[in-house]
């Protein structure tokens, strides 16, 4: 899904008839034997409710007596990639006893609290890597031609909507 938040055309410097997309919500797949059938969800844009870079692994719903009774995205392992980093685990735990009652549980590990941690803000880290010549987080020159291919194909086939009530600070809607 591609779109534009309401009011974007009122931003100084933006053409009144601009059709520039300001957000995207996409479901992508990697077509190889290891990841085939595993969806990757990407949401990004301007003026969203929260800023962050996260990788979330969402477990499939289990079979058995709890099938169909759990909330959507009940078990999530998330890695925060911004700033100093953090690992979050949200899961449904069965309450002890004979019943099938569940309760959401959370656990977080802020990586900045680890012994010897010295996190750098993202752009400071980028500049630091440039200065010391660490290219491990940069795209190789030989990969540049491929970098533009898949977004171009996605944009050609993506569903596009005009402004539709998305306002600055909106949170993603369920199912989007």
Protein backbone atom coordinates (compact mmCIF):
# COMPACT_ATOMS: atom_id res chain seq x y z
CA UNK A 1 0.00 0.00 0.00
CA UNK A 2 1.36 3.37 -0.98
CA UNK A 3 -0.18 6.69 -0.01
CA UNK A 4 0.12 10.25 1.13
CA UNK A 5 -0.88 11.71 4.49
CA UNK A 6 -3.54 14.41 4.54
CA UNK A 7 -1.99 17.85 4.61
CA UNK A 8 1.23 16.90 2.82
CA UNK A 9 0.41 19.24 -0.06
CA UNK A 10 0.08 22.09 2.46
CA UNK A 11 3.70 21.67 3.61
CA UNK A 12 5.84 24.62 2.45
CA UNK A 13 7.79 23.71 -0.68
CA UNK A 14 5.46 20.86 -1.73
CA UNK A 15 3.64 21.35 -5.04
CA UNK A 16 -0.15 21.68 -4.60
CA UNK A 17 -0.78 18.78 -6.99
CA UNK A 18 1.99 16.53 -5.69
CA UNK A 19 1.38 12.79 -5.96
CA UNK A 20 4.55 11.88 -4.01
CA UNK A 21 3.96 8.98 -1.65
CA UNK A 22 4.72 9.68 2.00
CA UNK A 23 4.23 6.18 3.41
CA UNK A 24 4.35 2.56 2.38
CA UNK A 25 3.11 -0.62 4.01
CA UNK A 26 4.37 -3.70 2.20
CA UNK A 27 4.42 -7.46 2.64
CA UNK A 28 7.50 -8.91 0.99
CA UNK A 29 8.95 -12.40 0.54
CA UNK A 30 12.44 -13.69 -0.07
CA UNK A 31 12.28 -16.35 -2.75
CA UNK A 32 14.79 -18.93 -1.61
CA UNK A 33 14.50 -22.29 0.12
CA UNK A 34 15.25 -20.94 3.59
CA UNK A 35 12.71 -18.08 3.67
CA UNK A 36 10.05 -19.20 1.14
CA UNK A 37 6.57 -18.60 2.57
CA UNK A 38 7.78 -16.30 5.37
CA UNK A 39 6.31 -12.80 5.04
CA UNK A 40 8.39 -9.72 5.85
CA UNK A 41 6.39 -6.60 6.69
CA UNK A 42 7.80 -3.16 5.98
CA UNK A 43 6.20 0.07 7.15
CA UNK A 44 7.90 3.39 6.68
CA UNK A 45 7.01 6.96 5.94
CA UNK A 46 6.99 10.59 6.93
CA UNK A 47 5.28 11.88 10.05
CA UNK A 48 4.26 8.52 11.49
CA UNK A 49 3.30 8.16 15.16
CA UNK A 50 6.62 6.62 16.13
CA UNK A 51 10.14 6.58 14.75
CA UNK A 52 12.21 3.47 15.01
CA UNK A 53 13.96 0.64 13.26
CA UNK A 54 12.77 -2.76 14.43
CA UNK A 55 12.86 -6.32 13.24
CA UNK A 56 9.97 -8.34 14.65
CA UNK A 57 9.59 -12.09 14.39
CA UNK A 58 5.93 -13.03 14.78
CA UNK A 59 5.22 -16.66 15.59
CA UNK A 60 2.48 -18.55 13.82
CA UNK A 61 -0.62 -19.42 15.78
CA UNK A 62 -0.21 -22.78 17.48
CA UNK A 63 -2.37 -25.77 16.71
CA UNK A 64 -4.21 -27.53 19.51
CA UNK A 65 -6.63 -26.35 22.17
CA UNK A 66 -5.63 -22.67 21.86
CA UNK A 67 -6.02 -22.50 18.05
CA UNK A 68 -8.26 -19.58 17.10
CA UNK A 69 -8.40 -18.30 20.68
CA UNK A 70 -5.24 -16.18 20.74
CA UNK A 71 -5.06 -12.50 19.79
CA UNK A 72 -3.35 -11.59 16.52
CA UNK A 73 0.46 -11.31 16.81
CA UNK A 74 0.43 -12.80 20.30
CA UNK A 75 4.04 -14.02 20.31
CA UNK A 76 6.61 -11.52 19.05
CA UNK A 77 10.40 -11.40 19.36
CA UNK A 78 11.55 -7.89 18.40
CA UNK A 79 15.00 -6.41 17.94
CA UNK A 80 15.34 -2.63 18.11
CA UNK A 81 18.02 -1.50 15.68
CA UNK A 82 17.97 2.21 16.47
CA UNK A 83 20.13 3.99 18.99
CA UNK A 84 21.70 1.69 21.54
CA UNK A 85 19.53 -1.31 20.67
CA UNK A 86 17.16 -3.45 22.65
CA UNK A 87 15.68 -6.93 22.48
CA UNK A 88 12.00 -7.23 23.42
CA UNK A 89 9.96 -10.38 23.83
CA UNK A 90 6.17 -10.29 24.04
CA UNK A 91 4.38 -13.58 24.41
CA UNK A 92 1.25 -15.15 25.71
CA UNK A 93 1.94 -17.37 28.66
CA UNK A 94 -0.52 -19.96 29.92
CA UNK A 95 -1.40 -19.28 33.53
CA UNK A 96 -0.50 -22.19 35.80
CA UNK A 97 -3.33 -24.57 36.53
CA UNK A 98 -5.76 -26.80 34.67
CA UNK A 99 -7.47 -24.01 32.69
CA UNK A 100 -6.45 -22.53 29.35
CA UNK A 101 -6.23 -18.91 30.49
CA UNK A 102 -3.40 -16.87 29.00
CA UNK A 103 -1.80 -13.59 29.91
CA UNK A 104 0.54 -11.35 27.93
CA UNK A 105 4.08 -11.25 29.30
CA UNK A 106 6.95 -8.93 28.39
CA UNK A 107 10.72 -9.09 28.74
CA UNK A 108 13.26 -6.47 27.57
CA UNK A 109 17.03 -6.42 27.39
CA UNK A 110 18.42 -2.92 26.75
CA UNK A 111 21.77 -3.61 25.13
CA UNK A 112 23.17 -0.32 26.45
CA UNK A 113 23.00 -1.76 29.97
CA UNK A 114 25.41 -4.60 29.16
CA UNK A 115 28.84 -4.46 30.76
CA UNK A 116 31.26 -2.42 28.63
CA UNK A 117 28.54 -1.15 26.27
CA UNK A 118 29.32 2.19 24.63
CA UNK A 119 26.46 2.84 22.19
CA UNK A 120 26.72 5.58 19.60
CA UNK A 121 23.75 7.44 18.13
CA UNK A 122 22.99 6.19 14.58
CA UNK A 123 24.57 9.04 12.57
CA UNK A 124 27.58 9.20 14.89
CA UNK A 125 28.03 5.45 14.30
CA UNK A 126 27.81 6.00 10.54
CA UNK A 127 30.42 8.77 10.58
CA UNK A 128 32.63 6.72 12.92
CA UNK A 129 32.51 3.75 10.53
CA UNK A 130 33.46 6.02 7.61
CA UNK A 131 36.39 7.49 9.53
CA UNK A 132 37.82 4.10 10.54
CA UNK A 133 37.12 2.56 7.12
CA UNK A 134 34.62 -0.07 8.32
CA UNK A 135 32.51 -0.86 5.27
CA UNK A 136 30.58 -3.78 6.80
CA UNK A 137 27.28 -1.83 7.05
CA UNK A 138 27.53 -0.27 3.58
CA UNK A 139 26.29 -1.62 0.29
CA UNK A 140 29.10 -2.76 -2.02
CA UNK A 141 29.46 -0.90 -5.29
CA UNK A 142 28.74 -4.09 -7.24
CA UNK A 143 25.33 -4.36 -5.53
CA UNK A 144 24.14 -0.85 -6.42
CA UNK A 145 22.53 -1.82 -9.75
CA UNK A 146 20.35 -4.40 -7.95
CA UNK A 147 19.34 -2.04 -5.12
CA UNK A 148 16.95 -0.04 -7.27
CA UNK A 149 15.30 -2.95 -9.09
CA UNK A 150 12.93 -4.39 -6.50
CA UNK A 151 11.55 -1.05 -5.20
CA UNK A 152 10.93 0.04 -8.78
CA UNK A 153 9.03 -3.19 -9.54
CA UNK A 154 7.04 -2.87 -6.30
CA UNK A 155 6.09 0.72 -7.08
CA UNK A 156 4.93 -0.20 -10.57
CA UNK A 157 2.60 -2.87 -9.24
CA UNK A 158 1.75 -1.33 -5.84
CA UNK A 159 -1.74 -0.26 -4.94
CA UNK A 160 -1.84 3.51 -4.71
CA UNK A 161 -4.36 5.60 -2.81
CA UNK A 162 -4.92 9.36 -2.77
CA UNK A 163 -4.96 11.10 0.64
CA UNK A 164 -7.56 9.22 2.69
CA UNK A 165 -7.66 10.48 6.23
CA UNK A 166 -4.08 9.56 7.12
CA UNK A 167 -2.87 12.44 9.23
CA UNK A 168 0.59 13.19 10.64
CA UNK A 169 1.18 10.93 13.64
CA UNK A 170 -1.22 8.19 12.50
CA UNK A 171 -0.48 4.67 13.69
CA UNK A 172 -0.71 1.83 11.15
CA UNK A 173 -4.23 0.50 10.95
CA UNK A 174 -4.92 -3.16 11.75
CA UNK A 175 -4.57 -5.25 8.63
CA UNK A 176 -2.69 -2.55 6.73
